[in-house]
């Protein structure tokens, strides 16, 4: 037994990963919701298929 009567055990890799992801979500800035970059520009005056 460890301190204060609790059983000491190491965390599983899954538990460590879940804890790290939870901390990262708290610290990380929110991701933008939208399309990135400029839209494609099409030259409608130019005929591609003639």
Protein backbone atom coordinates (compact mmCIF):
# COMPACT_ATOMS: atom_id res chain seq x y z
CA UNK A 1 0.00 0.00 0.00
CA UNK A 2 1.11 3.51 -0.73
CA UNK A 3 0.54 6.71 1.17
CA UNK A 4 -2.79 7.17 2.91
CA UNK A 5 -3.84 3.57 2.29
CA UNK A 6 -4.24 3.80 -1.50
CA UNK A 7 -2.97 1.01 -3.70
CA UNK A 8 -0.18 2.21 -5.98
CA UNK A 9 -0.40 1.25 -9.63
CA UNK A 10 0.89 2.67 -12.86
CA UNK A 11 -1.52 4.11 -15.35
CA UNK A 12 -2.08 2.16 -18.54
CA UNK A 13 -0.95 3.72 -21.83
CA UNK A 14 -4.61 4.25 -22.75
CA UNK A 15 -5.24 6.20 -19.53
CA UNK A 16 -2.14 8.31 -20.12
CA UNK A 17 -3.22 9.10 -23.69
CA UNK A 18 -6.76 10.04 -22.60
CA UNK A 19 -5.37 12.35 -19.92
CA UNK A 20 -2.96 14.00 -22.39
CA UNK A 21 -5.73 14.54 -24.95
CA UNK A 22 -7.98 16.06 -22.30
CA UNK A 23 -5.24 18.47 -21.23
CA UNK A 24 -4.43 19.37 -24.84
CA UNK A 25 -8.07 20.22 -25.53
CA UNK A 26 -8.12 22.55 -22.52
CA UNK A 27 -4.95 24.37 -23.61
CA UNK A 28 -5.31 24.43 -27.41
CA UNK A 29 -6.99 27.40 -29.09
CA UNK A 30 -10.29 26.67 -30.84
CA UNK A 31 -10.01 25.61 -34.45
CA UNK A 32 -11.56 27.92 -37.04
CA UNK A 33 -14.80 26.71 -38.60
CA UNK A 34 -14.77 27.54 -42.26
CA UNK A 35 -13.06 27.04 -45.55
CA UNK A 36 -9.42 27.95 -45.86
CA UNK A 37 -8.01 30.07 -48.64
CA UNK A 38 -9.57 31.85 -51.54
CA UNK A 39 -12.16 30.20 -53.76
CA UNK A 40 -11.20 29.09 -57.24
CA UNK A 41 -11.50 31.77 -59.92
CA UNK A 42 -13.02 30.74 -63.23
CA UNK A 43 -12.66 32.80 -66.35
CA UNK A 44 -16.18 32.57 -67.78
CA UNK A 45 -15.30 34.68 -70.80
CA UNK A 46 -12.85 32.07 -72.00
CA UNK A 47 -14.36 29.00 -73.59
CA UNK A 48 -12.50 25.84 -72.72
CA UNK A 49 -14.51 23.54 -74.97
CA UNK A 50 -14.82 24.97 -78.48
